[in-house]
Amino acid sequence: MQRYFIELPEINDTLELPAAIYHHAIVVMRMKVGDYFEIVAADKKVTTMQLTKVTSNSATARVDYKFKHAVELPLQVTIACGLSKKDKADWIVQKATELGARRFIFFRGDYSIAKWDKKKQEKKLTRLKKIICAAAEQAHRVEVPTVHYAESIKNLPLKEYSNKIVAYEEAAKQGEKTALASLISKLREEKGSVTDTSLLAVFGPEGGISTAEVQYLKDNGFTLTGLGPRIMRAETAPLYLLAALSYALELA
């Protein structure tokens, strides 16, 4: 069943479909009177709706029933990535949203080739928000992740997180194998209260994390973490981490 997000505190009785939802549900999906879809409002409850009226430019639906859907990753994960070239940010937010990330921060790293000036920042963030929302709907999530931009690694909101790691390829090359396993072990022991636990995971751009950035992160409580023996692309490493966390906290 198709799921949509709406910026309302909750859904009561009937709803006139906003323009964007109307376009997708009626024009793209060709829904008709009697068809069902799901709406998620700010209360994070899923409301199943049935279309009761459809015209050439509007549609109305009524509430059928409501339910809670426990689909969110039981850990508040923020993915912070150095700016990468081309459309890699699009790929990261789309796939990482499907895998359960709660927040994204893109920053200009010392080795970033890509640059977002002020005009580009606004356009990029608007585009990324649309991709994130579509991915959250596709994945049937009840929460739409947020996305932000930071001028440098020193502008990351470090104090907000109880756990902080940086994916460091030099650590992987040197055979570091215990940091991620130790973190996962700790999180599994806390299972039950883990939803109140947060993790900030930092990833570099194509060129990686500079020595100065690594030192700054170490000085601020980050653990240098290898992600297995292979060196991954900038857009692959965040997905590896989220998949590992999902397996350990949701399936194992």
Protein backbone atom coordinates (compact mmCIF):
# COMPACT_ATOMS: atom_id res chain seq x y z
CA MET A 1 0.00 0.00 0.00
CA GLN A 2 1.30 3.44 -0.92
CA ARG A 3 2.43 5.58 2.03
CA TYR A 4 2.67 9.39 2.21
CA PHE A 5 3.85 11.90 4.80
CA ILE A 6 1.88 15.02 5.64
CA GLU A 7 2.74 18.08 7.74
CA LEU A 8 -0.20 17.91 10.11
CA PRO A 9 -0.22 17.10 13.85
CA GLU A 10 -2.63 14.20 13.24
CA ILE A 11 -5.35 13.00 10.87
CA ASN A 12 -9.00 13.32 11.90
CA ASP A 13 -12.00 11.94 10.03
CA THR A 14 -11.48 13.26 6.48
CA LEU A 15 -8.67 14.76 4.47
CA GLU A 16 -8.48 16.76 1.26
CA LEU A 17 -5.32 15.58 -0.44
CA PRO A 18 -2.54 18.20 -0.70
CA ALA A 19 -1.42 18.97 -4.27
CA ALA A 20 1.73 16.83 -4.15
CA ILE A 21 -0.07 13.78 -2.75
CA TYR A 22 -2.96 14.28 -5.20
CA HIS A 23 -0.54 14.34 -8.12
CA HIS A 24 1.21 11.13 -7.09
CA ALA A 25 -1.84 9.20 -5.88
CA ILE A 26 -4.35 10.23 -8.54
CA VAL A 27 -2.28 11.24 -11.57
CA VAL A 28 0.72 8.90 -11.24
CA MET A 29 -0.73 5.91 -9.39
CA ARG A 30 -4.22 6.37 -10.90
CA MET A 31 -6.04 5.68 -7.64
CA LYS A 32 -9.83 5.80 -7.75
CA VAL A 33 -12.74 6.10 -5.32
CA GLY A 34 -12.62 3.12 -2.98
CA ASP A 35 -8.84 2.71 -3.15
CA TYR A 36 -6.75 2.76 0.04
CA PHE A 37 -3.46 4.44 0.95
CA GLU A 38 -1.57 5.32 4.13
CA ILE A 39 -0.77 8.71 5.63
CA VAL A 40 1.78 9.43 8.37
CA ALA A 41 1.36 12.71 10.25
CA ALA A 42 3.57 14.33 12.88
CA ASP A 43 2.25 11.95 15.56
CA LYS A 44 4.07 9.13 13.65
CA LYS A 45 0.90 7.02 13.59
CA VAL A 46 -0.06 5.35 10.35
CA THR A 47 -3.58 6.18 9.18
CA THR A 48 -5.16 4.04 6.48
CA MET A 49 -7.33 6.22 4.27
CA GLN A 50 -9.98 5.38 1.67
CA LEU A 51 -10.66 7.68 -1.26
CA THR A 52 -14.28 8.92 -1.22
CA LYS A 53 -14.23 11.58 -3.93
CA VAL A 54 -11.97 12.26 -6.92
CA THR A 55 -12.28 15.15 -9.38
CA SER A 56 -10.00 16.54 -12.08
CA ASN A 57 -8.13 18.68 -9.55
CA SER A 58 -8.96 17.46 -6.05
CA ALA A 59 -9.60 14.36 -3.98
CA THR A 60 -10.99 13.56 -0.53
CA ALA A 61 -10.35 10.54 1.67
CA ARG A 62 -11.76 9.31 4.97
CA VAL A 63 -10.02 7.60 7.87
CA ASP A 64 -10.40 3.84 7.84
CA TYR A 65 -8.19 2.91 10.82
CA LYS A 66 -4.96 3.89 12.61
CA PHE A 67 -2.06 1.83 13.87
CA LYS A 68 1.50 2.15 15.11
CA HIS A 69 4.21 0.72 12.88
CA ALA A 70 7.48 -0.20 14.62
CA VAL A 71 9.85 0.08 11.67
CA GLU A 72 12.45 2.60 12.79
CA LEU A 73 16.02 1.47 13.48
CA PRO A 74 16.30 1.22 17.31
CA LEU A 75 19.20 3.66 17.33
CA GLN A 76 19.33 7.32 16.30
CA VAL A 77 22.03 7.29 13.64
CA THR A 78 23.40 10.45 12.06
CA ILE A 79 25.48 10.02 8.92
CA ALA A 80 27.98 12.86 8.42
CA CYS A 81 29.73 12.80 5.04
CA GLY A 82 32.38 14.94 3.44
CA LEU A 83 31.16 16.47 0.18
CA SER A 84 31.69 14.11 -2.73
CA LYS A 85 31.52 14.67 -6.48
CA LYS A 86 28.50 14.41 -8.78
CA ASP A 87 25.34 12.78 -7.42
CA LYS A 88 26.85 10.73 -4.62
CA ALA A 89 24.96 12.71 -1.96
CA ASP A 90 21.69 11.72 -3.69
CA TRP A 91 22.66 8.06 -3.54
CA ILE A 92 23.75 8.25 0.10
CA VAL A 93 20.55 9.85 1.41
CA GLN A 94 18.27 7.62 -0.64
CA LYS A 95 19.80 4.30 0.34
CA ALA A 96 20.67 5.28 3.91
CA THR A 97 17.08 6.43 4.45
CA GLU A 98 15.90 2.99 3.37
CA LEU A 99 18.38 1.48 5.86
CA GLY A 100 17.16 3.57 8.80
CA ALA A 101 19.36 6.67 9.20
CA ARG A 102 17.68 9.48 11.17
CA ARG A 103 19.79 12.46 10.14
CA PHE A 104 22.30 13.49 7.49
CA ILE A 105 24.99 16.17 7.65
CA PHE A 106 27.19 17.00 4.68
CA PHE A 107 30.36 18.98 5.35
CA ARG A 108 33.22 20.33 3.33
CA GLY A 109 36.18 18.13 4.18
CA ASP A 110 39.84 18.98 3.76
CA TYR A 111 39.95 16.59 0.78
CA SER A 112 36.57 17.50 -0.71
CA ILE A 113 36.74 18.45 -4.36
CA ALA A 114 33.06 19.37 -4.54
CA LYS A 115 31.98 22.74 -3.17
CA TRP A 116 28.54 23.99 -2.21
CA ASP A 117 28.35 27.79 -2.28
CA LYS A 118 25.39 29.48 -0.58
CA LYS A 119 23.18 29.29 -3.67
CA LYS A 120 24.08 25.66 -4.28
CA GLN A 121 23.52 24.73 -0.63
CA GLU A 122 19.85 25.73 -0.75
CA LYS A 123 19.24 23.90 -4.04
CA LYS A 124 21.12 20.81 -2.92
CA LEU A 125 19.33 20.56 0.42
CA THR A 126 15.91 21.03 -1.22
CA ARG A 127 16.70 18.26 -3.69
CA LEU A 128 18.02 15.95 -0.96
CA LYS A 129 14.91 16.52 1.18
CA LYS A 130 12.70 15.40 -1.71
CA ILE A 131 14.81 12.29 -2.26
CA ILE A 132 14.73 11.49 1.46
CA CYS A 133 10.95 11.89 1.69
CA ALA A 134 10.38 9.64 -1.33
CA ALA A 135 12.75 7.02 0.08
CA ALA A 136 11.04 7.14 3.49
CA GLU A 137 7.66 6.61 1.82
CA GLN A 138 9.00 3.74 -0.28
CA ALA A 139 10.53 2.09 2.81
CA HIS A 140 7.27 2.56 4.78
CA ARG A 141 9.00 4.47 7.53
CA VAL A 142 7.12 6.61 10.05
CA GLU A 143 9.81 9.28 10.26
CA VAL A 144 11.40 11.41 7.56
CA PRO A 145 15.14 11.95 8.21
CA THR A 146 16.53 15.48 8.22
CA VAL A 147 19.48 16.82 6.24
CA HIS A 148 21.84 19.71 7.02
CA TYR A 149 25.04 21.30 5.77
CA ALA A 150 28.14 22.18 7.84
CA GLU A 151 30.98 24.36 6.60
CA SER A 152 33.60 22.03 8.06
CA ILE A 153 34.06 19.04 10.32
CA LYS A 154 34.46 21.46 13.22
CA ASN A 155 30.84 22.58 12.78
CA LEU A 156 29.37 19.16 13.50
CA PRO A 157 27.12 19.10 16.62
CA LEU A 158 29.35 16.72 18.56
CA LYS A 159 27.84 17.24 22.02
CA GLU A 160 24.49 15.81 20.98
CA TYR A 161 25.77 12.24 20.63
CA SER A 162 26.50 9.49 23.12
CA ASN A 163 28.54 7.46 20.61
CA LYS A 164 30.88 8.83 17.94
CA ILE A 165 32.87 6.93 15.32
CA VAL A 166 34.82 7.86 12.22
CA ALA A 167 35.33 5.39 9.39
CA TYR A 168 39.08 5.61 8.80
CA GLU A 169 40.66 3.72 5.93
CA GLU A 170 44.11 3.74 7.52
CA ALA A 171 42.63 1.88 10.49
CA ALA A 172 41.19 -0.67 8.07
CA LYS A 173 44.53 -1.04 6.30
CA GLN A 174 46.22 -1.68 9.64
CA GLY A 175 43.77 -4.49 10.38
CA GLU A 176 41.60 -2.72 13.00
CA LYS A 177 38.73 -5.14 13.66
CA THR A 178 37.40 -4.54 17.15
CA ALA A 179 35.94 -1.00 17.28
CA LEU A 180 32.70 -1.66 15.40
CA ALA A 181 32.25 -5.06 17.04
CA SER A 182 32.72 -3.47 20.47
CA LEU A 183 30.20 -0.73 19.69
CA ILE A 184 27.63 -3.24 18.50
CA SER A 185 28.18 -5.41 21.57
CA LYS A 186 27.60 -2.40 23.79
CA LEU A 187 24.44 -1.43 21.92
CA ARG A 188 23.06 -4.96 22.08
CA GLU A 189 23.59 -5.01 25.85
CA GLU A 190 21.59 -1.77 26.06
CA LYS A 191 18.80 -3.15 23.87
CA GLY A 192 15.48 -1.95 25.22
CA SER A 193 16.80 1.51 26.09
CA VAL A 194 18.79 1.79 22.88
CA THR A 195 16.14 3.99 21.25
CA ASP A 196 17.42 6.80 23.47
CA THR A 197 20.97 6.19 22.28
CA SER A 198 22.52 8.22 19.48
CA LEU A 199 25.40 7.58 17.12
CA LEU A 200 27.30 10.05 14.97
CA ALA A 201 29.23 8.31 12.20
CA VAL A 202 31.64 10.41 10.12
CA PHE A 203 32.77 9.45 6.63
CA GLY A 204 35.23 11.25 4.39
CA PRO A 205 34.83 12.21 0.72
CA GLU A 206 36.64 10.41 -2.11
CA GLY A 207 40.04 11.46 -0.78
CA GLY A 208 39.28 10.33 2.76
CA ILE A 209 39.78 12.09 6.11
CA SER A 210 42.84 14.30 6.57
CA THR A 211 45.32 13.83 9.39
CA ALA A 212 44.20 17.12 10.95
CA GLU A 213 40.53 16.07 10.81
CA VAL A 214 41.31 12.69 12.35
CA GLN A 215 43.18 14.36 15.19
CA TYR A 216 40.29 16.78 15.79
CA LEU A 217 37.82 13.91 15.94
CA LYS A 218 40.06 11.87 18.27
CA ASP A 219 40.37 14.89 20.56
CA ASN A 220 36.57 15.05 20.68
CA GLY A 221 35.91 11.48 21.70
CA PHE A 222 35.62 9.70 18.35
CA THR A 223 36.70 6.11 17.89
CA LEU A 224 38.68 5.33 14.74
CA THR A 225 36.84 2.47 13.11
CA GLY A 226 37.68 0.08 10.30
CA LEU A 227 34.84 -1.37 8.26
CA GLY A 228 36.37 -4.66 7.27
CA PRO A 229 39.49 -5.47 5.24
CA ARG A 230 38.32 -3.82 2.00
CA ILE A 231 38.44 -0.10 1.22
CA MET A 232 35.00 1.14 0.23
CA ARG A 233 33.87 4.07 -1.84
CA ALA A 234 32.60 7.19 -0.06
CA GLU A 235 28.99 6.32 -0.88
CA THR A 236 29.29 2.63 0.12
CA ALA A 237 30.76 2.89 3.63
CA PRO A 238 27.69 4.51 5.30
CA LEU A 239 25.47 1.78 3.87
CA TYR A 240 27.78 -0.94 5.18
CA LEU A 241 27.56 0.54 8.68
CA LEU A 242 23.77 0.83 8.65
CA ALA A 243 23.36 -2.72 7.35
CA ALA A 244 25.63 -4.04 10.11
CA LEU A 245 23.68 -2.12 12.76
CA SER A 246 20.35 -3.31 11.38
CA TYR A 247 21.46 -6.94 11.44
CA ALA A 248 22.87 -6.71 14.96
CA LEU A 249 20.00 -4.75 16.53
CA GLU A 250 16.97 -5.94 14.57
CA LEU A 251 17.65 -9.43 13.24
CA ALA A 252 20.31 -11.20 15.28
